[in-house]
């Protein structure tokens, strides 16, 4: 994409995080944005998502990596996770990955370039008794150990007002600054959180808080339609049950900084960790997965004038 296509309008520039906002993010590990999307944009995304659930794909993954989350109708009315929605749905890619979102992420990561890292479409059915609706405490970096950077950021984008009763995103304030303890024996950090034991994840949070002599300050982020919650890849977060009686619809867009690339990471048992990208992206000259592959990890913002201070 030519660099002029990353230029923002004056109105969009006014929506970027201020210096005080960036300082808040550094201190707390999360940030609630200004209104980055119009109602019309969010409604268009919702229509695209309904088409997605009805089976429409603008293009399909050439193959599904072993660890990919990919809900199919035969799985039933449980919480749905569909990775790579930005790849398979053109509306999501065009609207939710627009330069403004990348520019906000770049300001928070303090990098001159933000590339897409991954995306997931998430749907919580409006049933209070559905056990899969509860997302246990975890940090995103646990799944991304193959990244050289520990600076990635997740944008949590609800497609409606998202309140406590919807099971909105909750974060542990300031937890991104904690010194991290090793995981319990047998806990596989490369697995999706839904495949890990919730009680073990709860103990992991408690152990880390005690080790850091830190208060467990839980913040439930109330998000108006069109706003976005951003959190650091080392911030503990999760969400509660959907008590609203209506589906909770969210897309998460994760962003990587310019410096991020693949590194080899060995799990405690000696097995080499892998991320789903590793089976899809092109290879670098030295035969490593290329996390700047424009098909899967496109640049969504590159500064043409200084934004990061």
C-alpha atoms as a PDB file:
ATOM      1  CA  UNK A   1       0.000   0.000   0.000  1.00  0.00           C
ATOM      2  CA  UNK A   2       1.543   3.371  -0.962  1.00  0.00           C
ATOM      3  CA  UNK A   3       2.416   5.457   2.074  1.00  0.00           C
ATOM      4  CA  UNK A   4      -0.034   8.228   1.160  1.00  0.00           C
ATOM      5  CA  UNK A   5      -2.857   5.740   1.737  1.00  0.00           C
ATOM      6  CA  UNK A   6      -1.952   5.703   5.445  1.00  0.00           C
ATOM      7  CA  UNK A   7      -2.619   9.417   5.804  1.00  0.00           C
ATOM      8  CA  UNK A   8      -5.374  10.339   8.255  1.00  0.00           C
ATOM      9  CA  UNK A   9      -7.886  13.131   7.942  1.00  0.00           C
ATOM     10  CA  UNK A  10      -7.808  15.946  10.483  1.00  0.00           C
ATOM     11  CA  UNK A  11     -10.905  14.438  12.094  1.00  0.00           C
ATOM     12  CA  UNK A  12      -9.217  11.037  12.407  1.00  0.00           C
ATOM     13  CA  UNK A  13      -5.991  12.544  13.752  1.00  0.00           C
ATOM     14  CA  UNK A  14      -8.011  14.171  16.531  1.00  0.00           C
ATOM     15  CA  UNK A  15      -9.134  10.691  17.626  1.00  0.00           C
ATOM     16  CA  UNK A  16      -5.614   9.389  18.282  1.00  0.00           C
ATOM     17  CA  UNK A  17      -4.421   8.791  21.854  1.00  0.00           C
ATOM     18  CA  UNK A  18      -2.956  11.882  23.469  1.00  0.00           C
ATOM     19  CA  UNK A  19       0.383  11.843  25.274  1.00  0.00           C
ATOM     20  CA  UNK A  20      -1.569  11.455  28.527  1.00  0.00           C
ATOM     21  CA  UNK A  21      -3.440   8.495  27.023  1.00  0.00           C
ATOM     22  CA  UNK A  22      -0.155   6.819  26.065  1.00  0.00           C
ATOM     23  CA  UNK A  23       1.171   7.371  29.593  1.00  0.00           C
ATOM     24  CA  UNK A  24      -2.039   5.830  30.961  1.00  0.00           C
ATOM     25  CA  UNK A  25      -1.576   2.789  28.713  1.00  0.00           C
ATOM     26  CA  UNK A  26       2.049   2.388  29.840  1.00  0.00           C
ATOM     27  CA  UNK A  27       0.952   2.491  33.478  1.00  0.00           C
ATOM     28  CA  UNK A  28      -2.261   0.447  33.320  1.00  0.00           C
ATOM     29  CA  UNK A  29      -1.846  -1.873  30.304  1.00  0.00           C
ATOM     30  CA  UNK A  30      -5.136  -0.970  28.631  1.00  0.00           C
ATOM     31  CA  UNK A  31      -6.804   1.976  26.920  1.00  0.00           C
ATOM     32  CA  UNK A  32     -10.364   2.789  25.861  1.00  0.00           C
ATOM     33  CA  UNK A  33     -10.343   4.713  22.590  1.00  0.00           C
ATOM     34  CA  UNK A  34     -12.377   7.540  21.211  1.00  0.00           C
ATOM     35  CA  UNK A  35     -15.111   6.599  18.739  1.00  0.00           C
ATOM     36  CA  UNK A  36     -13.120   5.110  15.867  1.00  0.00           C
ATOM     37  CA  UNK A  37     -16.069   3.729  13.870  1.00  0.00           C
ATOM     38  CA  UNK A  38     -19.381   5.182  12.786  1.00  0.00           C
ATOM     39  CA  UNK A  39     -22.649   3.336  13.352  1.00  0.00           C
ATOM     40  CA  UNK A  40     -22.784   2.738   9.608  1.00  0.00           C
ATOM     41  CA  UNK A  41     -19.352   1.079   9.609  1.00  0.00           C
ATOM     42  CA  UNK A  42     -20.193  -1.197  12.530  1.00  0.00           C
ATOM     43  CA  UNK A  43     -23.563  -2.105  10.982  1.00  0.00           C
ATOM     44  CA  UNK A  44     -21.834  -2.974   7.709  1.00  0.00           C
ATOM     45  CA  UNK A  45     -19.431  -5.244   9.592  1.00  0.00           C
ATOM     46  CA  UNK A  46     -22.373  -6.951  11.314  1.00  0.00           C
ATOM     47  CA  UNK A  47     -23.969  -7.647   7.945  1.00  0.00           C
ATOM     48  CA  UNK A  48     -20.673  -9.071   6.718  1.00  0.00           C
ATOM     49  CA  UNK A  49     -20.469 -11.279   9.807  1.00  0.00           C
ATOM     50  CA  UNK A  50     -23.985 -12.628   9.248  1.00  0.00           C
ATOM     51  CA  UNK A  51     -22.951 -13.508   5.680  1.00  0.00           C
ATOM     52  CA  UNK A  52     -19.832 -15.181   7.101  1.00  0.00           C
ATOM     53  CA  UNK A  53     -21.915 -17.331   9.459  1.00  0.00           C
ATOM     54  CA  UNK A  54     -24.194 -18.177   6.530  1.00  0.00           C
ATOM     55  CA  UNK A  55     -21.167 -19.637   4.729  1.00  0.00           C
ATOM     56  CA  UNK A  56     -19.931 -16.762   2.549  1.00  0.00           C
ATOM     57  CA  UNK A  57     -16.169 -16.372   2.188  1.00  0.00           C
ATOM     58  CA  UNK A  58     -14.440 -13.780   0.021  1.00  0.00           C
ATOM     59  CA  UNK A  59     -11.473 -16.141   0.079  1.00  0.00           C
ATOM     60  CA  UNK A  60     -10.643 -19.212   2.125  1.00  0.00           C
ATOM     61  CA  UNK A  61      -7.624 -20.228   4.094  1.00  0.00           C
ATOM     62  CA  UNK A  62      -5.618 -22.583   1.894  1.00  0.00           C
ATOM     63  CA  UNK A  63      -5.465 -24.952   4.873  1.00  0.00           C
ATOM     64  CA  UNK A  64      -6.455 -24.848   8.542  1.00  0.00           C
ATOM     65  CA  UNK A  65      -3.438 -25.029  10.858  1.00  0.00           C
ATOM     66  CA  UNK A  66      -3.730 -27.518  13.741  1.00  0.00           C
ATOM     67  CA  UNK A  67      -4.124 -24.878  16.465  1.00  0.00           C
ATOM     68  CA  UNK A  68      -6.532 -22.595  14.622  1.00  0.00           C
ATOM     69  CA  UNK A  69      -9.875 -21.741  16.287  1.00  0.00           C
ATOM     70  CA  UNK A  70     -12.605 -22.234  13.703  1.00  0.00           C
ATOM     71  CA  UNK A  71     -16.233 -22.671  14.782  1.00  0.00           C
ATOM     72  CA  UNK A  72     -18.469 -24.685  12.449  1.00  0.00           C
ATOM     73  CA  UNK A  73     -22.291 -24.931  12.661  1.00  0.00           C
ATOM     74  CA  UNK A  74     -22.130 -28.566  13.776  1.00  0.00           C
ATOM     75  CA  UNK A  75     -20.417 -27.405  16.998  1.00  0.00           C
ATOM     76  CA  UNK A  76     -23.740 -25.980  18.151  1.00  0.00           C
ATOM     77  CA  UNK A  77     -24.789 -22.897  20.086  1.00  0.00           C
ATOM     78  CA  UNK A  78     -21.602 -22.430  22.100  1.00  0.00           C
ATOM     79  CA  UNK A  79     -19.153 -19.552  22.201  1.00  0.00           C
ATOM     80  CA  UNK A  80     -17.775 -19.242  18.672  1.00  0.00           C
ATOM     81  CA  UNK A  81     -14.213 -18.355  17.744  1.00  0.00           C
ATOM     82  CA  UNK A  82     -13.169 -17.937  14.110  1.00  0.00           C
ATOM     83  CA  UNK A  83      -9.553 -16.991  13.535  1.00  0.00           C
ATOM     84  CA  UNK A  84      -8.365 -15.278  10.343  1.00  0.00           C
ATOM     85  CA  UNK A  85     -11.681 -13.501   9.829  1.00  0.00           C
ATOM     86  CA  UNK A  86      -9.704 -10.585   8.354  1.00  0.00           C
ATOM     87  CA  UNK A  87      -8.370 -12.960   5.701  1.00  0.00           C
ATOM     88  CA  UNK A  88     -11.699 -14.560   4.796  1.00  0.00           C
ATOM     89  CA  UNK A  89     -14.013 -11.549   5.079  1.00  0.00           C
ATOM     90  CA  UNK A  90     -13.264  -8.468   2.976  1.00  0.00           C
ATOM     91  CA  UNK A  91     -15.601  -6.180   4.950  1.00  0.00           C
ATOM     92  CA  UNK A  92     -13.840  -6.927   8.237  1.00  0.00           C
ATOM     93  CA  UNK A  93     -10.462  -6.346   6.629  1.00  0.00           C
ATOM     94  CA  UNK A  94     -11.496  -3.069   4.968  1.00  0.00           C
ATOM     95  CA  UNK A  95     -13.271  -1.501   7.940  1.00  0.00           C
ATOM     96  CA  UNK A  96     -11.794  -2.942  11.133  1.00  0.00           C
ATOM     97  CA  UNK A  97      -8.214  -2.910   9.804  1.00  0.00           C
ATOM     98  CA  UNK A  98      -8.360   0.652   8.506  1.00  0.00           C
ATOM     99  CA  UNK A  99      -5.325   2.922   9.034  1.00  0.00           C
ATOM    100  CA  UNK A 100      -6.917   4.750  11.984  1.00  0.00           C
ATOM    101  CA  UNK A 101      -6.951   1.520  14.019  1.00  0.00           C
ATOM    102  CA  UNK A 102      -3.342   0.860  13.079  1.00  0.00           C
ATOM    103  CA  UNK A 103      -2.351   4.413  13.982  1.00  0.00           C
ATOM    104  CA  UNK A 104      -3.893   4.094  17.445  1.00  0.00           C
ATOM    105  CA  UNK A 105      -2.084   0.786  17.965  1.00  0.00           C
ATOM    106  CA  UNK A 106       1.179   2.313  16.750  1.00  0.00           C
ATOM    107  CA  UNK A 107       0.863   5.192  19.225  1.00  0.00           C
ATOM    108  CA  UNK A 108       0.340   2.757  22.086  1.00  0.00           C
ATOM    109  CA  UNK A 109       3.179   0.464  20.991  1.00  0.00           C
ATOM    110  CA  UNK A 110       5.346   3.516  20.217  1.00  0.00           C
ATOM    111  CA  UNK A 111       6.380   2.164  16.855  1.00  0.00           C
ATOM    112  CA  UNK A 112       6.404   3.825  13.407  1.00  0.00           C
ATOM    113  CA  UNK A 113       4.661   0.842  11.820  1.00  0.00           C
ATOM    114  CA  UNK A 114       1.792  -1.399  12.896  1.00  0.00           C
ATOM    115  CA  UNK A 115       1.203  -4.697  11.114  1.00  0.00           C
ATOM    116  CA  UNK A 116      -1.752  -6.960  11.596  1.00  0.00           C
ATOM    117  CA  UNK A 117      -0.831  -9.932  13.738  1.00  0.00           C
ATOM    118  CA  UNK A 118      -4.090 -11.891  13.893  1.00  0.00           C
ATOM    119  CA  UNK A 119      -7.861 -11.573  14.150  1.00  0.00           C
ATOM    120  CA  UNK A 120     -10.722 -13.525  15.687  1.00  0.00           C
ATOM    121  CA  UNK A 121     -14.481 -13.283  15.319  1.00  0.00           C
ATOM    122  CA  UNK A 122     -16.104 -14.050  18.687  1.00  0.00           C
ATOM    123  CA  UNK A 123     -19.775 -14.739  19.399  1.00  0.00           C
ATOM    124  CA  UNK A 124     -21.200 -15.399  22.859  1.00  0.00           C
ATOM    125  CA  UNK A 125     -24.733 -16.781  22.747  1.00  0.00           C
ATOM    126  CA  UNK A 126     -27.222 -14.934  24.924  1.00  0.00           C
ATOM    127  CA  UNK A 127     -27.566 -17.791  27.399  1.00  0.00           C
ATOM    128  CA  UNK A 128     -26.551 -17.233  31.006  1.00  0.00           C
ATOM    129  CA  UNK A 129     -26.007 -20.953  31.626  1.00  0.00           C
ATOM    130  CA  UNK A 130     -23.636 -21.567  28.670  1.00  0.00           C
ATOM    131  CA  UNK A 131     -20.301 -22.581  30.301  1.00  0.00           C
ATOM    132  CA  UNK A 132     -18.193 -21.760  27.238  1.00  0.00           C
ATOM    133  CA  UNK A 133     -19.180 -18.091  27.567  1.00  0.00           C
ATOM    134  CA  UNK A 134     -16.811 -17.618  30.507  1.00  0.00           C
ATOM    135  CA  UNK A 135     -13.276 -16.754  29.339  1.00  0.00           C
ATOM    136  CA  UNK A 136     -10.699 -17.506  32.071  1.00  0.00           C
ATOM    137  CA  UNK A 137      -7.876 -15.139  32.978  1.00  0.00           C
ATOM    138  CA  UNK A 138      -4.966 -15.328  30.565  1.00  0.00           C
ATOM    139  CA  UNK A 139      -2.395 -13.202  28.745  1.00  0.00           C
ATOM    140  CA  UNK A 140      -2.145 -13.133  24.963  1.00  0.00           C
ATOM    141  CA  UNK A 141       1.623 -13.435  24.970  1.00  0.00           C
ATOM    142  CA  UNK A 142       1.303 -17.005  26.272  1.00  0.00           C
ATOM    143  CA  UNK A 143       0.134 -17.976  22.780  1.00  0.00           C
ATOM    144  CA  UNK A 144       2.739 -15.867  20.984  1.00  0.00           C
ATOM    145  CA  UNK A 145       6.038 -17.079  22.431  1.00  0.00           C
ATOM    146  CA  UNK A 146       7.410 -17.345  18.899  1.00  0.00           C
ATOM    147  CA  UNK A 147       7.390 -13.533  18.711  1.00  0.00           C
ATOM    148  CA  UNK A 148      10.558 -11.576  19.418  1.00  0.00           C
ATOM    149  CA  UNK A 149       8.463  -8.618  20.594  1.00  0.00           C
ATOM    150  CA  UNK A 150       6.594  -8.342  23.880  1.00  0.00           C
ATOM    151  CA  UNK A 151       4.927  -5.150  22.744  1.00  0.00           C
ATOM    152  CA  UNK A 152       1.940  -6.460  20.741  1.00  0.00           C
ATOM    153  CA  UNK A 153      -1.493  -4.992  21.388  1.00  0.00           C
ATOM    154  CA  UNK A 154      -5.021  -6.400  21.055  1.00  0.00           C
ATOM    155  CA  UNK A 155      -7.946  -4.263  19.870  1.00  0.00           C
ATOM    156  CA  UNK A 156     -11.263  -5.557  21.260  1.00  0.00           C
ATOM    157  CA  UNK A 157     -14.036  -4.268  18.987  1.00  0.00           C
ATOM    158  CA  UNK A 158     -17.665  -4.957  19.993  1.00  0.00           C
ATOM    159  CA  UNK A 159     -20.291  -4.649  17.276  1.00  0.00           C
ATOM    160  CA  UNK A 160     -22.761  -3.051  19.732  1.00  0.00           C
ATOM    161  CA  UNK A 161     -22.660  -1.394  23.144  1.00  0.00           C
ATOM    162  CA  UNK A 162     -20.839  -3.901  25.358  1.00  0.00           C
ATOM    163  CA  UNK A 163     -21.721  -3.749  29.043  1.00  0.00           C
ATOM    164  CA  UNK A 164     -21.224  -5.878  32.150  1.00  0.00           C
ATOM    165  CA  UNK A 165     -24.280  -7.993  31.392  1.00  0.00           C
ATOM    166  CA  UNK A 166     -22.863  -8.939  27.985  1.00  0.00           C
ATOM    167  CA  UNK A 167     -19.753 -10.414  29.575  1.00  0.00           C
ATOM    168  CA  UNK A 168     -17.589  -7.526  28.460  1.00  0.00           C
ATOM    169  CA  UNK A 169     -13.804  -7.555  28.540  1.00  0.00           C
ATOM    170  CA  UNK A 170     -12.271  -7.422  32.027  1.00  0.00           C
ATOM    171  CA  UNK A 171      -8.609  -6.603  32.652  1.00  0.00           C
ATOM    172  CA  UNK A 172      -6.310  -6.766  35.665  1.00  0.00           C
ATOM    173  CA  UNK A 173      -5.072  -3.215  35.895  1.00  0.00           C
ATOM    174  CA  UNK A 174      -1.291  -2.876  35.658  1.00  0.00           C
ATOM    175  CA  UNK A 175      -0.627  -6.611  35.323  1.00  0.00           C
ATOM    176  CA  UNK A 176       1.420  -6.109  32.140  1.00  0.00           C
ATOM    177  CA  UNK A 177       4.247  -4.821  34.336  1.00  0.00           C
ATOM    178  CA  UNK A 178       4.409  -7.926  36.535  1.00  0.00           C
ATOM    179  CA  UNK A 179       7.401 -10.208  36.530  1.00  0.00           C
ATOM    180  CA  UNK A 180       6.019 -13.459  35.162  1.00  0.00           C
ATOM    181  CA  UNK A 181       6.348 -16.792  36.936  1.00  0.00           C
ATOM    182  CA  UNK A 182       6.773 -20.081  35.046  1.00  0.00           C
ATOM    183  CA  UNK A 183       3.537 -21.903  34.311  1.00  0.00           C
ATOM    184  CA  UNK A 184       2.475 -24.903  36.323  1.00  0.00           C
ATOM    185  CA  UNK A 185       3.791 -28.244  35.164  1.00  0.00           C
ATOM    186  CA  UNK A 186       1.493 -29.682  32.516  1.00  0.00           C
ATOM    187  CA  UNK A 187      -0.020 -26.342  31.493  1.00  0.00           C
ATOM    188  CA  UNK A 188       0.619 -25.843  27.795  1.00  0.00           C
ATOM    189  CA  UNK A 189       0.983 -22.117  27.175  1.00  0.00           C
ATOM    190  CA  UNK A 190       0.798 -22.566  23.407  1.00  0.00           C
ATOM    191  CA  UNK A 191      -2.778 -23.853  23.588  1.00  0.00           C
ATOM    192  CA  UNK A 192      -5.808 -21.640  23.095  1.00  0.00           C
ATOM    193  CA  UNK A 193      -7.174 -20.538  26.478  1.00  0.00           C
ATOM    194  CA  UNK A 194     -10.365 -22.522  25.811  1.00  0.00           C
ATOM    195  CA  UNK A 195      -8.266 -25.707  25.807  1.00  0.00           C
ATOM    196  CA  UNK A 196      -6.515 -24.901  29.095  1.00  0.00           C
ATOM    197  CA  UNK A 197      -7.844 -25.675  32.574  1.00  0.00           C
ATOM    198  CA  UNK A 198      -9.714 -22.620  33.980  1.00  0.00           C
ATOM    199  CA  UNK A 199      -8.725 -23.447  37.568  1.00  0.00           C
ATOM    200  CA  UNK A 200      -5.070 -23.613  36.571  1.00  0.00           C
ATOM    201  CA  UNK A 201      -5.362 -20.255  34.813  1.00  0.00           C
ATOM    202  CA  UNK A 202      -6.989 -18.759  37.924  1.00  0.00           C
ATOM    203  CA  UNK A 203      -4.114 -20.075  40.046  1.00  0.00           C
ATOM    204  CA  UNK A 204      -1.622 -18.630  37.559  1.00  0.00           C
ATOM    205  CA  UNK A 205      -3.176 -15.189  38.024  1.00  0.00           C
ATOM    206  CA  UNK A 206      -3.162 -15.507  41.829  1.00  0.00           C
ATOM    207  CA  UNK A 207       0.434 -16.788  41.949  1.00  0.00           C
ATOM    208  CA  UNK A 208       1.666 -13.957  39.748  1.00  0.00           C
ATOM    209  CA  UNK A 209      -0.168 -11.332  41.806  1.00  0.00           C
ATOM    210  CA  UNK A 210       1.263 -12.693  45.061  1.00  0.00           C
ATOM    211  CA  UNK A 211       4.776 -12.941  43.632  1.00  0.00           C
ATOM    212  CA  UNK A 212       4.616  -9.309  42.534  1.00  0.00           C
ATOM    213  CA  UNK A 213       2.944  -8.202  45.777  1.00  0.00           C
ATOM    214  CA  UNK A 214       0.279  -6.661  43.571  1.00  0.00           C
ATOM    215  CA  UNK A 215      -3.352  -5.813  44.124  1.00  0.00           C
ATOM    216  CA  UNK A 216      -5.798  -7.700  41.910  1.00  0.00           C
ATOM    217  CA  UNK A 217      -7.615  -4.669  40.537  1.00  0.00           C
ATOM    218  CA  UNK A 218     -10.232  -5.928  38.097  1.00  0.00           C
ATOM    219  CA  UNK A 219     -11.630  -3.435  35.590  1.00  0.00           C
ATOM    220  CA  UNK A 220     -14.707  -4.296  33.531  1.00  0.00           C
ATOM    221  CA  UNK A 221     -14.416  -2.149  30.416  1.00  0.00           C
ATOM    222  CA  UNK A 222     -17.739  -0.686  29.314  1.00  0.00           C
ATOM    223  CA  UNK A 223     -17.458  -0.060  25.574  1.00  0.00           C
ATOM    224  CA  UNK A 224     -19.849   2.066  23.543  1.00  0.00           C
ATOM    225  CA  UNK A 225     -20.569   1.047  19.966  1.00  0.00           C
ATOM    226  CA  UNK A 226     -17.802   2.439  17.760  1.00  0.00           C
ATOM    227  CA  UNK A 227     -15.194   2.603  20.525  1.00  0.00           C
ATOM    228  CA  UNK A 228     -12.377   0.088  20.956  1.00  0.00           C
ATOM    229  CA  UNK A 229     -10.616  -1.306  24.007  1.00  0.00           C
ATOM    230  CA  UNK A 230      -6.876  -1.904  23.529  1.00  0.00           C
ATOM    231  CA  UNK A 231      -4.805  -4.052  25.889  1.00  0.00           C
ATOM    232  CA  UNK A 232      -1.137  -4.999  26.136  1.00  0.00           C
ATOM    233  CA  UNK A 233      -0.166  -8.571  25.268  1.00  0.00           C
ATOM    234  CA  UNK A 234       1.007  -9.148  28.875  1.00  0.00           C
ATOM    235  CA  UNK A 235      -2.171  -7.804  30.521  1.00  0.00           C
ATOM    236  CA  UNK A 236      -4.228 -10.475  32.266  1.00  0.00           C
ATOM    237  CA  UNK A 237      -7.769 -10.392  30.938  1.00  0.00           C
ATOM    238  CA  UNK A 238     -10.911 -12.496  30.587  1.00  0.00           C
ATOM    239  CA  UNK A 239     -14.680 -12.122  30.527  1.00  0.00           C
ATOM    240  CA  UNK A 240     -17.740 -13.351  32.373  1.00  0.00           C
ATOM    241  CA  UNK A 241     -21.005 -14.940  31.223  1.00  0.00           C
ATOM    242  CA  UNK A 242     -23.375 -13.244  28.815  1.00  0.00           C
ATOM    243  CA  UNK A 243     -26.414 -12.383  30.935  1.00  0.00           C
ATOM    244  CA  UNK A 244     -27.981  -9.956  28.459  1.00  0.00           C
ATOM    245  CA  UNK A 245     -30.271 -12.409  26.659  1.00  0.00           C
ATOM    246  CA  UNK A 246     -28.806 -11.319  23.315  1.00  0.00           C
ATOM    247  CA  UNK A 247     -25.662 -12.474  21.500  1.00  0.00           C
ATOM    248  CA  UNK A 248     -22.410 -10.687  22.233  1.00  0.00           C
ATOM    249  CA  UNK A 249     -20.554 -10.048  18.963  1.00  0.00           C
ATOM    250  CA  UNK A 250     -16.907  -8.962  18.972  1.00  0.00           C
ATOM    251  CA  UNK A 251     -13.955  -8.936  16.599  1.00  0.00           C
ATOM    252  CA  UNK A 252     -10.452  -8.808  18.031  1.00  0.00           C
ATOM    253  CA  UNK A 253      -7.694  -7.330  15.874  1.00  0.00           C
ATOM    254  CA  UNK A 254      -4.154  -7.889  17.163  1.00  0.00           C
ATOM    255  CA  UNK A 255      -1.342  -5.636  16.035  1.00  0.00           C
ATOM    256  CA  UNK A 256       2.415  -6.186  15.988  1.00  0.00           C
ATOM    257  CA  UNK A 257       5.139  -3.556  16.018  1.00  0.00           C
ATOM    258  CA  UNK A 258       7.628  -3.103  13.205  1.00  0.00           C
ATOM    259  CA  UNK A 259      10.388  -4.939  15.081  1.00  0.00           C
ATOM    260  CA  UNK A 260       8.472  -8.178  15.643  1.00  0.00           C
ATOM    261  CA  UNK A 261       9.639 -11.316  13.874  1.00  0.00           C
ATOM    262  CA  UNK A 262       9.775 -15.079  14.383  1.00  0.00           C
ATOM    263  CA  UNK A 263      12.064 -16.681  16.950  1.00  0.00           C
ATOM    264  CA  UNK A 264      12.434 -20.311  17.905  1.00  0.00           C
ATOM    265  CA  UNK A 265      10.909 -21.043  21.312  1.00  0.00           C
ATOM    266  CA  UNK A 266      11.106 -24.344  23.151  1.00  0.00           C
ATOM    267  CA  UNK A 267       8.420 -25.421  25.586  1.00  0.00           C
ATOM    268  CA  UNK A 268       9.486 -26.891  28.961  1.00  0.00           C
ATOM    269  CA  UNK A 269       9.226 -30.402  27.500  1.00  0.00           C
ATOM    270  CA  UNK A 270      11.661 -29.413  24.743  1.00  0.00           C
ATOM    271  CA  UNK A 271       9.091 -29.346  21.951  1.00  0.00           C
ATOM    272  CA  UNK A 272       9.338 -26.403  19.568  1.00  0.00           C
ATOM    273  CA  UNK A 273       6.416 -23.998  19.923  1.00  0.00           C
ATOM    274  CA  UNK A 274       4.405 -23.104  16.848  1.00  0.00           C
ATOM    275  CA  UNK A 275       1.802 -20.502  15.992  1.00  0.00           C
ATOM    276  CA  UNK A 276      -0.872 -21.005  13.360  1.00  0.00           C
ATOM    277  CA  UNK A 277       0.863 -18.457  11.094  1.00  0.00           C
ATOM    278  CA  UNK A 278       3.855 -20.751  10.814  1.00  0.00           C
ATOM    279  CA  UNK A 279       1.882 -23.095   8.530  1.00  0.00           C
ATOM    280  CA  UNK A 280       0.563 -20.273   6.333  1.00  0.00           C
ATOM    281  CA  UNK A 281       2.939 -17.358   5.886  1.00  0.00           C
ATOM    282  CA  UNK A 282       5.779 -17.173   3.397  1.00  0.00           C
ATOM    283  CA  UNK A 283       9.348 -17.880   4.531  1.00  0.00           C
ATOM    284  CA  UNK A 284      12.193 -15.427   5.080  1.00  0.00           C
ATOM    285  CA  UNK A 285      15.528 -15.777   3.306  1.00  0.00           C
ATOM    286  CA  UNK A 286      16.801 -17.883   6.214  1.00  0.00           C
ATOM    287  CA  UNK A 287      13.693 -20.112   6.096  1.00  0.00           C
ATOM    288  CA  UNK A 288      11.831 -18.706   9.092  1.00  0.00           C
ATOM    289  CA  UNK A 289       8.097 -17.845   9.067  1.00  0.00           C
ATOM    290  CA  UNK A 290       7.764 -14.282   7.787  1.00  0.00           C
ATOM    291  CA  UNK A 291       5.554 -12.265  10.123  1.00  0.00           C
ATOM    292  CA  UNK A 292       5.462  -9.424   7.606  1.00  0.00           C
ATOM    293  CA  UNK A 293       3.726 -11.549   4.947  1.00  0.00           C
ATOM    294  CA  UNK A 294       1.305  -9.041   3.350  1.00  0.00           C
ATOM    295  CA  UNK A 295      -1.407 -11.665   2.855  1.00  0.00           C
ATOM    296  CA  UNK A 296      -1.727 -12.558   6.526  1.00  0.00           C
ATOM    297  CA  UNK A 297       0.118  -9.758   8.357  1.00  0.00           C
ATOM    298  CA  UNK A 298      -0.390  -6.630   6.234  1.00  0.00           C
ATOM    299  CA  UNK A 299       0.799  -3.197   7.294  1.00  0.00           C
ATOM    300  CA  UNK A 300      -2.198  -1.280   8.637  1.00  0.00           C
ATOM    301  CA  UNK A 301      -0.282   1.855   9.559  1.00  0.00           C
ATOM    302  CA  UNK A 302       3.069   3.335   8.642  1.00  0.00           C
ATOM    303  CA  UNK A 303       3.851   6.850   9.757  1.00  0.00           C
ATOM    304  CA  UNK A 304       4.774   9.431   7.173  1.00  0.00           C
ATOM    305  CA  UNK A 305       5.142  12.104   9.837  1.00  0.00           C
ATOM    306  CA  UNK A 306       6.127  11.594  13.485  1.00  0.00           C
ATOM    307  CA  UNK A 307       3.274  10.272  15.613  1.00  0.00           C
ATOM    308  CA  UNK A 308       5.221   8.293  18.235  1.00  0.00           C
ATOM    309  CA  UNK A 309       6.795  10.433  20.912  1.00  0.00           C
END
